[in-house]
Amino acid sequence: MAPADRTRETPCPLHRAEELTLGGRTAKIMLGDALYTLRITRAGKLILTK
């Protein structure tokens, strides 16, 4: 994609991980029939597992 095309992209939603986890360390996310776990590590990184 050319740089000029990027200005026409639809903005994507922004979600804070802390809000998704309700202040905890994990959140469950459904995609179709698959259940994923989003985890915030002690180092402040995100891990998404199926």
Protein backbone atom coordinates (compact mmCIF):
# COMPACT_ATOMS: atom_id res chain seq x y z
CA MET A 1 0.00 0.00 0.00
CA ALA A 2 1.38 3.38 -0.97
CA PRO A 3 1.77 6.00 1.81
CA ALA A 4 -0.98 8.15 0.29
CA ASP A 5 -3.43 5.23 0.55
CA ARG A 6 -2.89 4.92 4.31
CA THR A 7 -4.57 8.27 4.96
CA ARG A 8 -7.82 6.81 3.58
CA GLU A 9 -7.90 3.82 5.93
CA THR A 10 -10.80 3.55 8.34
CA PRO A 11 -9.57 4.16 11.89
CA CYS A 12 -9.44 0.98 13.93
CA PRO A 13 -10.95 0.77 17.41
CA LEU A 14 -8.63 1.39 20.35
CA HIS A 15 -9.07 -0.75 23.47
CA ARG A 16 -6.97 -0.47 26.63
CA ALA A 17 -5.81 -3.89 27.82
CA GLU A 18 -6.49 -2.86 31.42
CA GLU A 19 -10.12 -2.21 30.51
CA LEU A 20 -10.45 -5.53 28.67
CA THR A 21 -9.14 -7.34 31.76
CA LEU A 22 -11.20 -5.19 34.15
CA GLY A 23 -8.03 -4.29 36.02
CA GLY A 24 -6.89 -7.92 36.27
CA ARG A 25 -4.36 -9.89 34.26
CA THR A 26 -6.54 -11.91 31.82
CA ALA A 27 -9.48 -11.54 29.47
CA LYS A 28 -11.35 -14.07 27.35
CA ILE A 29 -11.94 -13.17 23.69
CA MET A 30 -14.26 -15.04 21.30
CA LEU A 31 -13.60 -15.17 17.57
CA GLY A 32 -16.22 -17.27 15.84
CA ASP A 33 -16.28 -20.53 17.81
CA ALA A 34 -12.70 -20.14 19.10
CA LEU A 35 -11.97 -18.92 22.62
CA TYR A 36 -8.72 -17.03 23.21
CA THR A 37 -7.06 -15.78 26.38
CA LEU A 38 -5.38 -12.39 26.50
CA ARG A 39 -2.85 -12.16 29.32
CA ILE A 40 -0.83 -9.22 30.64
CA THR A 41 2.56 -10.46 31.87
CA ARG A 42 4.46 -9.10 34.88
CA ALA A 43 6.77 -7.39 32.38
CA GLY A 44 3.78 -5.52 30.88
CA LYS A 45 3.68 -7.51 27.63
CA LEU A 46 0.58 -9.03 26.03
CA ILE A 47 0.22 -12.72 25.21
CA LEU A 48 -2.75 -14.05 23.20
CA THR A 49 -3.27 -17.82 23.29
CA LYS A 50 -5.89 -20.15 21.91
